[in-house]
């Protein structure tokens, strides 16, 4: 049944396909949480060694796609690219859009890195197809985290510890820093040895936990807001 047909039948409720395909903050949070959980599982101290490198790499690969799914939703729902300003050149690129765009690029780079890790068997492949996209993705996440803080500062106070979204932004930034530290530790030398495997895994694990918490603490608020909006839009009996 199409939306037009539903409208003619007098029902204002969206179809099941519309509910599934419509981008929402809840789906965004859930995507980041699932992706973070998979990254945490693949790098968790003790657990990563028990499951083996292949299973850990598979966790990273699947988790990266959940990151991309969530980041795409965030980009689509981030609003217009620019906003008019009173000074030259008359428009300014919004920090919120920049945060979403750079984060989406970072997730795509993680897709390349984690996908290559499943089948990279040479030092050259590990450097150029695994580590380099991973490092570039981590830089993109750092830039994104910075723009998140800028966007929040422009729309609210820089210090607001009583707000969940403020804490979400701070914890997200910590996760971005942890992923950057992980990329440094994961650098592959000419002999094919990782500079600091422990630091690489620990940085990934801490970063994944931060991203999970950053999404979790705003998810209930998003769900409540969505339910309230649906109730407000429902016709009175």
Protein backbone atom coordinates (compact mmCIF):
# COMPACT_ATOMS: atom_id res chain seq x y z
CA UNK A 1 0.00 0.00 0.00
CA UNK A 2 1.41 3.38 -0.98
CA UNK A 3 1.24 6.45 1.20
CA UNK A 4 -1.28 7.98 -1.17
CA UNK A 5 -3.56 4.97 -0.81
CA UNK A 6 -3.22 5.13 2.95
CA UNK A 7 -4.21 8.78 2.87
CA UNK A 8 -7.32 8.03 0.83
CA UNK A 9 -8.34 5.34 3.30
CA UNK A 10 -8.26 7.92 6.07
CA UNK A 11 -5.21 6.53 7.90
CA UNK A 12 -2.41 8.94 8.78
CA UNK A 13 -0.10 6.24 10.12
CA UNK A 14 2.99 5.51 7.99
CA UNK A 15 3.27 2.17 6.23
CA UNK A 16 5.61 -0.50 7.59
CA UNK A 17 8.06 0.22 4.78
CA UNK A 18 7.94 3.90 5.61
CA UNK A 19 8.72 3.20 9.25
CA UNK A 20 11.68 1.01 8.28
CA UNK A 21 13.15 3.30 5.63
CA UNK A 22 12.59 6.65 7.34
CA UNK A 23 15.83 7.90 8.92
CA UNK A 24 15.39 8.66 12.62
CA UNK A 25 17.67 9.56 15.54
CA UNK A 26 16.77 6.23 17.18
CA UNK A 27 18.04 4.26 14.18
CA UNK A 28 21.15 6.42 14.15
CA UNK A 29 21.86 5.72 17.83
CA UNK A 30 21.13 2.02 17.43
CA UNK A 31 23.46 1.76 14.43
CA UNK A 32 26.31 3.39 16.33
CA UNK A 33 25.65 1.23 19.39
CA UNK A 34 25.69 -2.05 17.41
CA UNK A 35 28.79 -0.99 15.50
CA UNK A 36 30.53 0.05 18.72
CA UNK A 37 29.63 -3.23 20.42
CA UNK A 38 31.19 -5.19 17.54
CA UNK A 39 34.34 -3.06 17.62
CA UNK A 40 34.54 -3.52 21.39
CA UNK A 41 34.13 -7.29 21.03
CA UNK A 42 36.87 -7.47 18.41
CA UNK A 43 39.34 -5.55 20.57
CA UNK A 44 38.31 -6.52 24.11
CA UNK A 45 41.28 -7.60 26.26
CA UNK A 46 41.26 -11.39 26.44
CA UNK A 47 38.23 -11.86 24.22
CA UNK A 48 40.03 -10.78 21.05
CA UNK A 49 42.75 -13.36 21.67
CA UNK A 50 40.22 -16.09 22.32
CA UNK A 51 38.25 -15.48 19.13
CA UNK A 52 41.32 -15.15 16.92
CA UNK A 53 42.40 -12.54 14.39
CA UNK A 54 39.96 -13.64 11.67
CA UNK A 55 36.90 -13.41 13.92
CA UNK A 56 38.07 -10.09 15.36
CA UNK A 57 38.58 -8.67 11.86
CA UNK A 58 35.10 -9.87 10.91
CA UNK A 59 33.66 -8.02 13.93
CA UNK A 60 35.42 -4.85 12.78
CA UNK A 61 34.19 -5.30 9.21
CA UNK A 62 30.52 -5.76 10.17
CA UNK A 63 30.73 -3.07 12.84
CA UNK A 64 32.12 -0.56 10.32
CA UNK A 65 29.04 -1.05 8.13
CA UNK A 66 26.77 -0.31 11.07
CA UNK A 67 28.85 2.84 11.64
CA UNK A 68 28.32 3.79 8.00
CA UNK A 69 24.58 3.14 8.24
CA UNK A 70 24.30 5.35 11.33
CA UNK A 71 26.57 8.07 9.93
CA UNK A 72 24.52 8.19 6.73
CA UNK A 73 21.36 8.73 8.76
CA UNK A 74 23.09 11.49 10.70
CA UNK A 75 24.21 13.15 7.46
CA UNK A 76 20.73 12.95 5.91
CA UNK A 77 19.07 14.39 9.01
CA UNK A 78 21.72 17.02 9.76
CA UNK A 79 19.86 19.74 7.89
CA UNK A 80 21.02 22.20 5.21
CA UNK A 81 24.69 22.53 4.34
CA UNK A 82 24.84 26.30 4.78
CA UNK A 83 23.12 29.00 6.77
CA UNK A 84 22.81 32.68 5.84
CA UNK A 85 24.99 35.13 7.78
CA UNK A 86 25.14 38.93 7.91
CA UNK A 87 28.77 39.14 6.80
CA UNK A 88 30.66 38.25 3.63
CA UNK A 89 30.28 35.93 1.75
CA UNK A 90 26.69 35.79 3.03
CA UNK A 91 26.56 32.09 3.86
CA UNK A 92 28.44 29.81 6.23
CA UNK A 93 28.77 26.03 6.24
CA UNK A 94 27.06 24.64 9.34
CA UNK A 95 29.26 22.89 11.91
CA UNK A 96 26.59 20.24 12.44
CA UNK A 97 26.64 19.30 8.75
CA UNK A 98 30.45 19.32 8.69
CA UNK A 99 30.49 16.97 11.69
CA UNK A 100 28.12 14.55 9.97
CA UNK A 101 29.90 14.75 6.61
CA UNK A 102 33.42 14.16 7.95
CA UNK A 103 32.16 11.34 10.14
CA UNK A 104 30.48 9.66 7.17
CA UNK A 105 33.73 9.89 5.18
CA UNK A 106 35.56 8.38 8.14
CA UNK A 107 33.19 5.41 8.26
CA UNK A 108 33.71 4.78 4.54
CA UNK A 109 37.47 4.70 5.12
CA UNK A 110 36.91 2.20 7.95
CA UNK A 111 34.91 0.08 5.50
CA UNK A 112 37.95 -0.02 3.22
CA UNK A 113 40.36 -0.74 6.07
CA UNK A 114 38.33 -3.46 7.77
CA UNK A 115 37.43 -5.08 4.46
CA UNK A 116 41.06 -5.20 3.37
CA UNK A 117 42.10 -6.64 6.74
CA UNK A 118 40.08 -9.77 5.96
CA UNK A 119 42.31 -10.65 3.02
CA UNK A 120 45.51 -8.57 3.22
CA UNK A 121 48.46 -10.99 3.35
CA UNK A 122 51.38 -8.78 2.35
CA UNK A 123 53.11 -5.94 4.20
CA UNK A 124 52.34 -3.53 1.36
CA UNK A 125 48.66 -4.40 1.43
CA UNK A 126 48.52 -4.07 5.20
CA UNK A 127 50.11 -0.63 5.00
CA UNK A 128 48.21 0.87 2.08
CA UNK A 129 44.84 -0.87 2.33
CA UNK A 130 44.52 -1.49 6.07
CA UNK A 131 46.54 0.99 8.10
CA UNK A 132 46.33 4.05 5.83
CA UNK A 133 42.50 4.12 5.51
CA UNK A 134 42.28 3.35 9.22
CA UNK A 135 44.51 6.30 10.06
CA UNK A 136 42.66 8.61 7.66
CA UNK A 137 39.33 7.46 9.08
CA UNK A 138 40.56 8.18 12.60
CA UNK A 139 41.60 11.70 11.55
CA UNK A 140 38.16 12.22 10.00
CA UNK A 141 36.56 11.12 13.27
CA UNK A 142 38.72 13.57 15.21
CA UNK A 143 37.66 16.41 12.91
CA UNK A 144 34.05 15.31 13.22
CA UNK A 145 34.23 15.23 17.02
CA UNK A 146 35.66 18.75 17.01
CA UNK A 147 32.82 20.02 14.81
CA UNK A 148 30.30 18.34 17.13
CA UNK A 149 31.61 20.43 20.01
CA UNK A 150 31.60 23.57 17.86
CA UNK A 151 28.00 22.92 16.80
CA UNK A 152 26.90 22.44 20.39
CA UNK A 153 28.70 25.59 21.52
CA UNK A 154 26.94 27.61 18.83
CA UNK A 155 23.50 26.28 19.74
CA UNK A 156 23.93 26.14 23.52
CA UNK A 157 26.41 26.74 26.30
CA UNK A 158 29.97 25.37 26.12
CA UNK A 159 29.58 24.07 29.69
CA UNK A 160 26.30 22.26 30.34
CA UNK A 161 26.96 19.14 32.46
CA UNK A 162 23.25 18.88 33.27
CA UNK A 163 22.47 18.05 29.63
CA UNK A 164 22.70 14.53 28.20
CA UNK A 165 23.58 15.73 24.72
CA UNK A 166 26.47 17.77 26.15
CA UNK A 167 27.88 14.64 27.80
CA UNK A 168 27.32 12.72 24.58
CA UNK A 169 29.47 15.20 22.67
CA UNK A 170 32.28 15.11 25.24
CA UNK A 171 32.33 11.31 25.41
CA UNK A 172 32.18 11.10 21.62
CA UNK A 173 35.27 13.31 21.43
CA UNK A 174 37.11 11.02 23.86
CA UNK A 175 36.23 8.11 21.62
CA UNK A 176 37.63 9.94 18.60
CA UNK A 177 40.88 10.60 20.46
CA UNK A 178 41.07 6.92 21.51
CA UNK A 179 40.63 5.81 17.89
CA UNK A 180 43.44 8.19 16.91
CA UNK A 181 45.72 6.66 19.56
CA UNK A 182 44.76 3.23 18.26
CA UNK A 183 45.80 4.21 14.73
CA UNK A 184 49.21 5.33 16.01
CA UNK A 185 49.72 2.02 17.82
CA UNK A 186 48.58 0.05 14.76
CA UNK A 187 51.26 1.51 12.47
CA UNK A 188 52.96 -1.28 10.54
CA UNK A 189 56.76 -1.19 10.22
CA UNK A 190 58.71 -2.29 7.16
CA UNK A 191 59.16 -5.70 8.78
CA UNK A 192 55.38 -6.14 9.01
CA UNK A 193 55.23 -5.73 12.79
CA UNK A 194 52.66 -3.51 14.51
CA UNK A 195 54.32 -0.76 16.54
CA UNK A 196 52.22 -1.40 19.65
CA UNK A 197 49.48 -4.02 19.30
CA UNK A 198 48.36 -3.55 22.90
CA UNK A 199 47.92 0.20 22.43
CA UNK A 200 46.10 -0.38 19.14
CA UNK A 201 43.62 -2.82 20.68
CA UNK A 202 43.18 -0.79 23.86
CA UNK A 203 42.56 2.42 21.91
CA UNK A 204 39.97 0.68 19.74
CA UNK A 205 38.27 -0.86 22.79
CA UNK A 206 38.13 2.41 24.74
CA UNK A 207 36.96 4.33 21.67
CA UNK A 208 34.23 1.79 20.97
CA UNK A 209 33.00 1.99 24.56
CA UNK A 210 32.92 5.79 24.34
CA UNK A 211 30.90 5.73 21.11
CA UNK A 212 28.50 3.20 22.61
CA UNK A 213 27.95 5.31 25.73
CA UNK A 214 27.67 8.54 23.73
CA UNK A 215 24.79 7.05 21.73
CA UNK A 216 23.22 5.21 24.64
CA UNK A 217 22.80 8.25 26.88
CA UNK A 218 20.87 10.18 24.20
CA UNK A 219 18.90 7.22 22.83
CA UNK A 220 16.17 7.23 25.54
CA UNK A 221 15.68 10.96 25.01
CA UNK A 222 15.39 10.42 21.26
CA UNK A 223 12.85 7.66 21.79
CA UNK A 224 10.76 9.79 24.15
CA UNK A 225 10.85 12.75 21.78
CA UNK A 226 9.80 10.54 18.84
CA UNK A 227 6.92 9.01 20.79
CA UNK A 228 5.76 12.42 21.98
CA UNK A 229 5.85 13.73 18.40
CA UNK A 230 3.82 10.78 17.17
CA UNK A 231 1.22 11.35 19.91
CA UNK A 232 1.03 15.05 19.07
CA UNK A 233 0.45 14.26 15.40
CA UNK A 234 -2.19 11.60 16.08
CA UNK A 235 -5.80 12.72 15.54
CA UNK A 236 -7.84 13.21 18.69
CA UNK A 237 -10.44 10.49 19.33
